[in-house]
Amino acid sequence: MHRVGLTVAAFVGATFGVRTGRREFAQHMFRARVGFQFLTLAMLLGGGVFYDQKRKQERLELEQENRVALDVPASQKNV
């Protein structure tokens, strides 16, 4: 959520710079806004990849547990 706040702050700063005639400051703020937006998208994509890998690993572990449970002969199971 902080990245979104930084993006908004940069946009507000750029607007302030344009209104007050501080073109160089406004240009820096516009560039910062683009950078913060890129950072936000990169974090979203990275988080998606991370959780996808985590979900796949958990699914694989669960399948392996189920295979082991199915391989145990019925005479050895505690019923």
PDB file of N, CA and C in Angstrom:
ATOM      1  N   MET A   1       0.822  -1.198   0.000  1.00  0.00           N
ATOM      2  CA  MET A   1       0.000   0.000   0.000  1.00  0.00           C
ATOM      3  C   MET A   1       0.865   1.261   0.000  1.00  0.00           C
ATOM      4  N   HIS A   2       2.072   1.145   0.528  1.00  0.00           N
ATOM      5  CA  HIS A   2       2.949   2.308   0.586  1.00  0.00           C
ATOM      6  C   HIS A   2       3.371   2.770  -0.804  1.00  0.00           C
ATOM      7  N   ARG A   3       3.539   1.791  -1.721  1.00  0.00           N
ATOM      8  CA  ARG A   3       3.955   2.152  -3.077  1.00  0.00           C
ATOM      9  C   ARG A   3       2.879   2.982  -3.767  1.00  0.00           C
ATOM     10  N   VAL A   4       1.627   2.666  -3.506  1.00  0.00           N
ATOM     11  CA  VAL A   4       0.540   3.439  -4.097  1.00  0.00           C
ATOM     12  C   VAL A   4       0.561   4.863  -3.528  1.00  0.00           C
ATOM     13  N   GLY A   5       0.827   4.976  -2.238  1.00  0.00           N
ATOM     14  CA  GLY A   5       0.918   6.294  -1.609  1.00  0.00           C
ATOM     15  C   GLY A   5       2.054   7.120  -2.190  1.00  0.00           C
ATOM     16  N   LEU A   6       3.180   6.475  -2.460  1.00  0.00           N
ATOM     17  CA  LEU A   6       4.307   7.183  -3.068  1.00  0.00           C
ATOM     18  C   LEU A   6       3.953   7.657  -4.471  1.00  0.00           C
ATOM     19  N   THR A   7       3.222   6.827  -5.210  1.00  0.00           N
ATOM     20  CA  THR A   7       2.794   7.210  -6.561  1.00  0.00           C
ATOM     21  C   THR A   7       1.886   8.430  -6.499  1.00  0.00           C
ATOM     22  N   VAL A   8       0.941   8.407  -5.592  1.00  0.00           N
ATOM     23  CA  VAL A   8       0.012   9.543  -5.444  1.00  0.00           C
ATOM     24  C   VAL A   8       0.771  10.790  -5.002  1.00  0.00           C
ATOM     25  N   ALA A   9       1.699  10.636  -4.064  1.00  0.00           N
ATOM     26  CA  ALA A   9       2.473  11.791  -3.593  1.00  0.00           C
ATOM     27  C   ALA A   9       3.297  12.398  -4.734  1.00  0.00           C
ATOM     28  N   ALA A  10       3.888  11.551  -5.570  1.00  0.00           N
ATOM     29  CA  ALA A  10       4.662  12.055  -6.706  1.00  0.00           C
ATOM     30  C   ALA A  10       3.758  12.786  -7.691  1.00  0.00           C
ATOM     31  N   PHE A  11       2.563  12.259  -7.913  1.00  0.00           N
ATOM     32  CA  PHE A  11       1.629  12.914  -8.828  1.00  0.00           C
ATOM     33  C   PHE A  11       1.190  14.275  -8.276  1.00  0.00           C
ATOM     34  N   VAL A  12       0.890  14.314  -6.977  1.00  0.00           N
ATOM     35  CA  VAL A  12       0.497  15.588  -6.350  1.00  0.00           C
ATOM     36  C   VAL A  12       1.661  16.579  -6.421  1.00  0.00           C
ATOM     37  N   GLY A  13       2.883  16.087  -6.174  1.00  0.00           N
ATOM     38  CA  GLY A  13       4.054  16.951  -6.267  1.00  0.00           C
ATOM     39  C   GLY A  13       4.245  17.498  -7.670  1.00  0.00           C
ATOM     40  N   ALA A  14       4.025  16.654  -8.668  1.00  0.00           N
ATOM     41  CA  ALA A  14       4.144  17.098 -10.057  1.00  0.00           C
ATOM     42  C   ALA A  14       3.091  18.151 -10.375  1.00  0.00           C
ATOM     43  N   THR A  15       1.882  17.935  -9.911  1.00  0.00           N
ATOM     44  CA  THR A  15       0.812  18.915 -10.130  1.00  0.00           C
ATOM     45  C   THR A  15       1.172  20.250  -9.480  1.00  0.00           C
ATOM     46  N   PHE A  16       1.693  20.185  -8.267  1.00  0.00           N
ATOM     47  CA  PHE A  16       2.115  21.401  -7.571  1.00  0.00           C
ATOM     48  C   PHE A  16       3.225  22.107  -8.352  1.00  0.00           C
ATOM     49  N   GLY A  17       4.179  21.325  -8.848  1.00  0.00           N
ATOM     50  CA  GLY A  17       5.280  21.916  -9.619  1.00  0.00           C
ATOM     51  C   GLY A  17       4.800  22.595 -10.882  1.00  0.00           C
ATOM     52  N   VAL A  18       3.835  21.991 -11.575  1.00  0.00           N
ATOM     53  CA  VAL A  18       3.295  22.589 -12.800  1.00  0.00           C
ATOM     54  C   VAL A  18       2.560  23.885 -12.469  1.00  0.00           C
ATOM     55  N   ARG A  19       1.754  23.854 -11.422  1.00  0.00           N
ATOM     56  CA  ARG A  19       0.961  25.049 -11.066  1.00  0.00           C
ATOM     57  C   ARG A  19       1.826  26.215 -10.609  1.00  0.00           C
ATOM     58  N   THR A  20       2.951  25.908  -9.957  1.00  0.00           N
ATOM     59  CA  THR A  20       3.813  26.985  -9.450  1.00  0.00           C
ATOM     60  C   THR A  20       4.914  27.370 -10.433  1.00  0.00           C
ATOM     61  N   GLY A  21       4.963  26.693 -11.582  1.00  0.00           N
ATOM     62  CA  GLY A  21       5.951  27.041 -12.595  1.00  0.00           C
ATOM     63  C   GLY A  21       7.323  26.433 -12.360  1.00  0.00           C
ATOM     64  N   ARG A  22       7.427  25.497 -11.457  1.00  0.00           N
ATOM     65  CA  ARG A  22       8.705  24.827 -11.181  1.00  0.00           C
ATOM     66  C   ARG A  22       8.807  23.596 -12.081  1.00  0.00           C
ATOM     67  N   ARG A  23       9.174  23.838 -13.319  1.00  0.00           N
ATOM     68  CA  ARG A  23       9.153  22.782 -14.333  1.00  0.00           C
ATOM     69  C   ARG A  23      10.120  21.643 -14.020  1.00  0.00           C
ATOM     70  N   GLU A  24      11.302  21.968 -13.546  1.00  0.00           N
ATOM     71  CA  GLU A  24      12.287  20.916 -13.256  1.00  0.00           C
ATOM     72  C   GLU A  24      11.791  20.015 -12.126  1.00  0.00           C
ATOM     73  N   PHE A  25      11.233  20.614 -11.087  1.00  0.00           N
ATOM     74  CA  PHE A  25      10.677  19.829  -9.979  1.00  0.00           C
ATOM     75  C   PHE A  25       9.528  18.956 -10.476  1.00  0.00           C
ATOM     76  N   ALA A  26       8.667  19.538 -11.296  1.00  0.00           N
ATOM     77  CA  ALA A  26       7.532  18.777 -11.828  1.00  0.00           C
ATOM     78  C   ALA A  26       8.021  17.595 -12.660  1.00  0.00           C
ATOM     79  N   GLN A  27       9.053  17.816 -13.458  1.00  0.00           N
ATOM     80  CA  GLN A  27       9.593  16.738 -14.291  1.00  0.00           C
ATOM     81  C   GLN A  27      10.161  15.614 -13.424  1.00  0.00           C
ATOM     82  N   HIS A  28      10.847  15.964 -12.347  1.00  0.00           N
ATOM     83  CA  HIS A  28      11.368  14.952 -11.424  1.00  0.00           C
ATOM     84  C   HIS A  28      10.228  14.154 -10.782  1.00  0.00           C
ATOM     85  N   MET A  29       9.179  14.840 -10.445  1.00  0.00           N
ATOM     86  CA  MET A  29       8.041  14.160  -9.813  1.00  0.00           C
ATOM     87  C   MET A  29       7.318  13.238 -10.803  1.00  0.00           C
ATOM     88  N   PHE A  30       7.200  13.667 -12.045  1.00  0.00           N
ATOM     89  CA  PHE A  30       6.588  12.794 -13.051  1.00  0.00           C
ATOM     90  C   PHE A  30       7.435  11.529 -13.248  1.00  0.00           C
ATOM     91  N   ARG A  31       8.744  11.700 -13.266  1.00  0.00           N
ATOM     92  CA  ARG A  31       9.629  10.545 -13.417  1.00  0.00           C
ATOM     93  C   ARG A  31       9.552   9.639 -12.199  1.00  0.00           C
ATOM     94  N   ALA A  32       9.463  10.220 -11.026  1.00  0.00           N
ATOM     95  CA  ALA A  32       9.329   9.429  -9.801  1.00  0.00           C
ATOM     96  C   ALA A  32       8.019   8.641  -9.833  1.00  0.00           C
ATOM     97  N   ARG A  33       6.961   9.264 -10.307  1.00  0.00           N
ATOM     98  CA  ARG A  33       5.658   8.583 -10.402  1.00  0.00           C
ATOM     99  C   ARG A  33       5.767   7.355 -11.290  1.00  0.00           C
ATOM    100  N   VAL A  34       6.412   7.497 -12.426  1.00  0.00           N
ATOM    101  CA  VAL A  34       6.575   6.354 -13.330  1.00  0.00           C
ATOM    102  C   VAL A  34       7.396   5.257 -12.653  1.00  0.00           C
ATOM    103  N   GLY A  35       8.441   5.648 -11.945  1.00  0.00           N
ATOM    104  CA  GLY A  35       9.266   4.674 -11.228  1.00  0.00           C
ATOM    105  C   GLY A  35       8.479   3.938 -10.156  1.00  0.00           C
ATOM    106  N   PHE A  36       7.663   4.657  -9.407  1.00  0.00           N
ATOM    107  CA  PHE A  36       6.857   4.025  -8.358  1.00  0.00           C
ATOM    108  C   PHE A  36       5.797   3.107  -8.962  1.00  0.00           C
ATOM    109  N   GLN A  37       5.237   3.502 -10.084  1.00  0.00           N
ATOM    110  CA  GLN A  37       4.266   2.628 -10.744  1.00  0.00           C
ATOM    111  C   GLN A  37       4.940   1.344 -11.222  1.00  0.00           C
ATOM    112  N   PHE A  38       6.144   1.464 -11.768  1.00  0.00           N
ATOM    113  CA  PHE A  38       6.887   0.279 -12.192  1.00  0.00           C
ATOM    114  C   PHE A  38       7.171  -0.620 -10.995  1.00  0.00           C
ATOM    115  N   LEU A  39       7.589  -0.024  -9.888  1.00  0.00           N
ATOM    116  CA  LEU A  39       7.875  -0.793  -8.677  1.00  0.00           C
ATOM    117  C   LEU A  39       6.621  -1.525  -8.201  1.00  0.00           C
ATOM    118  N   THR A  40       5.484  -0.856  -8.238  1.00  0.00           N
ATOM    119  CA  THR A  40       4.230  -1.483  -7.826  1.00  0.00           C
ATOM    120  C   THR A  40       3.911  -2.689  -8.706  1.00  0.00           C
ATOM    121  N   LEU A  41       4.020  -2.534 -10.010  1.00  0.00           N
ATOM    122  CA  LEU A  41       3.751  -3.651 -10.921  1.00  0.00           C
ATOM    123  C   LEU A  41       4.749  -4.792 -10.735  1.00  0.00           C
ATOM    124  N   ALA A  42       6.012  -4.457 -10.533  1.00  0.00           N
ATOM    125  CA  ALA A  42       7.032  -5.488 -10.332  1.00  0.00           C
ATOM    126  C   ALA A  42       6.755  -6.283  -9.063  1.00  0.00           C
ATOM    127  N   MET A  43       6.337  -5.604  -8.013  1.00  0.00           N
ATOM    128  CA  MET A  43       6.026  -6.290  -6.758  1.00  0.00           C
ATOM    129  C   MET A  43       4.790  -7.172  -6.914  1.00  0.00           C
ATOM    130  N   LEU A  44       3.796  -6.697  -7.639  1.00  0.00           N
ATOM    131  CA  LEU A  44       2.598  -7.516  -7.872  1.00  0.00           C
ATOM    132  C   LEU A  44       2.934  -8.776  -8.658  1.00  0.00           C
ATOM    133  N   LEU A  45       3.702  -8.622  -9.719  1.00  0.00           N
ATOM    134  CA  LEU A  45       4.085  -9.783 -10.530  1.00  0.00           C
ATOM    135  C   LEU A  45       4.987 -10.734  -9.745  1.00  0.00           C
ATOM    136  N   GLY A  46       5.927 -10.186  -9.012  1.00  0.00           N
ATOM    137  CA  GLY A  46       6.817 -11.010  -8.197  1.00  0.00           C
ATOM    138  C   GLY A  46       6.059 -11.776  -7.120  1.00  0.00           C
ATOM    139  N   GLY A  47       5.107 -11.119  -6.493  1.00  0.00           N
ATOM    140  CA  GLY A  47       4.297 -11.795  -5.489  1.00  0.00           C
ATOM    141  C   GLY A  47       3.459 -12.905  -6.096  1.00  0.00           C
ATOM    142  N   GLY A  48       2.935 -12.667  -7.278  1.00  0.00           N
ATOM    143  CA  GLY A  48       2.149 -13.699  -7.959  1.00  0.00           C
ATOM    144  C   GLY A  48       2.979 -14.918  -8.284  1.00  0.00           C
ATOM    145  N   VAL A  49       4.189 -14.704  -8.775  1.00  0.00           N
ATOM    146  CA  VAL A  49       5.088 -15.814  -9.096  1.00  0.00           C
ATOM    147  C   VAL A  49       5.471 -16.560  -7.820  1.00  0.00           C
ATOM    148  N   PHE A  50       5.791 -15.824  -6.762  1.00  0.00           N
ATOM    149  CA  PHE A  50       6.182 -16.440  -5.490  1.00  0.00           C
ATOM    150  C   PHE A  50       5.073 -17.328  -4.942  1.00  0.00           C
ATOM    151  N   TYR A  51       3.856 -16.806  -4.879  1.00  0.00           N
ATOM    152  CA  TYR A  51       2.756 -17.588  -4.320  1.00  0.00           C
ATOM    153  C   TYR A  51       2.338 -18.734  -5.238  1.00  0.00           C
ATOM    154  N   ASP A  52       2.524 -18.589  -6.537  1.00  0.00           N
ATOM    155  CA  ASP A  52       2.241 -19.691  -7.443  1.00  0.00           C
ATOM    156  C   ASP A  52       3.213 -20.843  -7.191  1.00  0.00           C
ATOM    157  N   GLN A  53       4.493 -20.521  -7.033  1.00  0.00           N
ATOM    158  CA  GLN A  53       5.488 -21.553  -6.739  1.00  0.00           C
ATOM    159  C   GLN A  53       5.213 -22.208  -5.385  1.00  0.00           C
ATOM    160  N   LYS A  54       4.834 -21.400  -4.414  1.00  0.00           N
ATOM    161  CA  LYS A  54       4.527 -21.930  -3.081  1.00  0.00           C
ATOM    162  C   LYS A  54       3.328 -22.874  -3.145  1.00  0.00           C
ATOM    163  N   ARG A  55       2.308 -22.505  -3.883  1.00  0.00           N
ATOM    164  CA  ARG A  55       1.113 -23.340  -4.025  1.00  0.00           C
ATOM    165  C   ARG A  55       1.445 -24.654  -4.728  1.00  0.00           C
ATOM    166  N   LYS A  56       2.265 -24.592  -5.763  1.00  0.00           N
ATOM    167  CA  LYS A  56       2.672 -25.811  -6.469  1.00  0.00           C
ATOM    168  C   LYS A  56       3.460 -26.743  -5.550  1.00  0.00           C
ATOM    169  N   GLN A  57       4.345 -26.173  -4.735  1.00  0.00           N
ATOM    170  CA  GLN A  57       5.137 -26.980  -3.815  1.00  0.00           C
ATOM    171  C   GLN A  57       4.236 -27.641  -2.768  1.00  0.00           C
ATOM    172  N   GLU A  58       3.280 -26.904  -2.234  1.00  0.00           N
ATOM    173  CA  GLU A  58       2.360 -27.472  -1.249  1.00  0.00           C
ATOM    174  C   GLU A  58       1.513 -28.581  -1.867  1.00  0.00           C
ATOM    175  N   ARG A  59       1.076 -28.393  -3.094  1.00  0.00           N
ATOM    176  CA  ARG A  59       0.285 -29.415  -3.783  1.00  0.00           C
ATOM    177  C   ARG A  59       1.114 -30.679  -4.012  1.00  0.00           C
ATOM    178  N   LEU A  60       2.384 -30.515  -4.403  1.00  0.00           N
ATOM    179  CA  LEU A  60       3.273 -31.653  -4.616  1.00  0.00           C
ATOM    180  C   LEU A  60       3.492 -32.425  -3.306  1.00  0.00           C
ATOM    181  N   GLU A  61       3.703 -31.706  -2.213  1.00  0.00           N
ATOM    182  CA  GLU A  61       3.893 -32.354  -0.914  1.00  0.00           C
ATOM    183  C   GLU A  61       2.645 -33.125  -0.499  1.00  0.00           C
ATOM    184  N   LEU A  62       1.477 -32.561  -0.733  1.00  0.00           N
ATOM    185  CA  LEU A  62       0.228 -33.226  -0.389  1.00  0.00           C
ATOM    186  C   LEU A  62       0.042 -34.488  -1.230  1.00  0.00           C
ATOM    187  N   GLU A  63       0.358 -34.424  -2.521  1.00  0.00           N
ATOM    188  CA  GLU A  63       0.256 -35.603  -3.383  1.00  0.00           C
ATOM    189  C   GLU A  63       1.210 -36.701  -2.931  1.00  0.00           C
ATOM    190  N   GLN A  64       2.423 -36.317  -2.501  1.00  0.00           N
ATOM    191  CA  GLN A  64       3.383 -37.312  -2.031  1.00  0.00           C
ATOM    192  C   GLN A  64       2.890 -37.967  -0.742  1.00  0.00           C
ATOM    193  N   GLU A  65       2.293 -37.193   0.154  1.00  0.00           N
ATOM    194  CA  GLU A  65       1.733 -37.753   1.389  1.00  0.00           C
ATOM    195  C   GLU A  65       0.619 -38.737   1.066  1.00  0.00           C
ATOM    196  N   ASN A  66      -0.229 -38.396   0.118  1.00  0.00           N
ATOM    197  CA  ASN A  66      -1.337 -39.279  -0.257  1.00  0.00           C
ATOM    198  C   ASN A  66      -0.817 -40.568  -0.886  1.00  0.00           C
ATOM    199  N   ARG A  67       0.237 -40.489  -1.686  1.00  0.00           N
ATOM    200  CA  ARG A  67       0.810 -41.698  -2.292  1.00  0.00           C
ATOM    201  C   ARG A  67       1.381 -42.623  -1.226  1.00  0.00           C
ATOM    202  N   VAL A  68       2.068 -42.055  -0.239  1.00  0.00           N
ATOM    203  CA  VAL A  68       2.647 -42.849   0.841  1.00  0.00           C
ATOM    204  C   VAL A  68       1.532 -43.524   1.626  1.00  0.00           C
ATOM    205  N   ALA A  69       0.456 -42.803   1.898  1.00  0.00           N
ATOM    206  CA  ALA A  69      -0.656 -43.369   2.655  1.00  0.00           C
ATOM    207  C   ALA A  69      -1.319 -44.497   1.871  1.00  0.00           C
ATOM    208  N   LEU A  70      -1.377 -44.385   0.558  1.00  0.00           N
ATOM    209  CA  LEU A  70      -1.994 -45.432  -0.258  1.00  0.00           C
ATOM    210  C   LEU A  70      -1.099 -46.655  -0.392  1.00  0.00           C
ATOM    211  N   ASP A  71       0.217 -46.472  -0.252  1.00  0.00           N
ATOM    212  CA  ASP A  71       1.155 -47.575  -0.396  1.00  0.00           C
ATOM    213  C   ASP A  71       1.229 -48.469   0.841  1.00  0.00           C
ATOM    214  N   VAL A  72       0.741 -48.000   1.977  1.00  0.00           N
ATOM    215  CA  VAL A  72       0.786 -48.789   3.201  1.00  0.00           C
ATOM    216  C   VAL A  72      -0.241 -49.911   3.097  1.00  0.00           C
ATOM    217  N   PRO A  73       0.166 -51.176   3.315  1.00  0.00           N
ATOM    218  CA  PRO A  73      -0.781 -52.287   3.244  1.00  0.00           C
ATOM    219  C   PRO A  73      -1.880 -52.147   4.286  1.00  0.00           C
ATOM    220  N   ALA A  74      -3.065 -52.682   3.976  1.00  0.00           N
ATOM    221  CA  ALA A  74      -4.223 -52.561   4.854  1.00  0.00           C
ATOM    222  C   ALA A  74      -3.969 -53.217   6.204  1.00  0.00           C
ATOM    223  N   SER A  75      -3.149 -54.266   6.258  1.00  0.00           N
ATOM    224  CA  SER A  75      -2.886 -54.951   7.532  1.00  0.00           C
ATOM    225  C   SER A  75      -2.086 -54.095   8.490  1.00  0.00           C
ATOM    226  N   GLN A  76      -1.372 -53.093   7.978  1.00  0.00           N
ATOM    227  CA  GLN A  76      -0.569 -52.230   8.827  1.00  0.00           C
ATOM    228  C   GLN A  76      -1.280 -50.945   9.231  1.00  0.00           C
ATOM    229  N   LYS A  77      -2.405 -50.655   8.614  1.00  0.00           N
ATOM    230  CA  LYS A  77      -3.138 -49.441   8.933  1.00  0.00           C
ATOM    231  C   LYS A  77      -3.854 -49.601  10.263  1.00  0.00           C
ATOM    232  N   ASN A  78      -3.880 -48.544  11.035  1.00  0.00           N
ATOM    233  CA  ASN A  78      -4.609 -48.527  12.308  1.00  0.00           C
ATOM    234  C   ASN A  78      -6.060 -48.146  12.018  1.00  0.00           C
ATOM    235  N   VAL A  79      -6.930 -49.131  12.028  1.00  0.00           N
ATOM    236  CA  VAL A  79      -8.325 -48.861  11.704  1.00  0.00           C
ATOM    237  C   VAL A  79      -9.136 -48.800  12.955  1.00  0.00           C
TER     238      VAL A  79
END
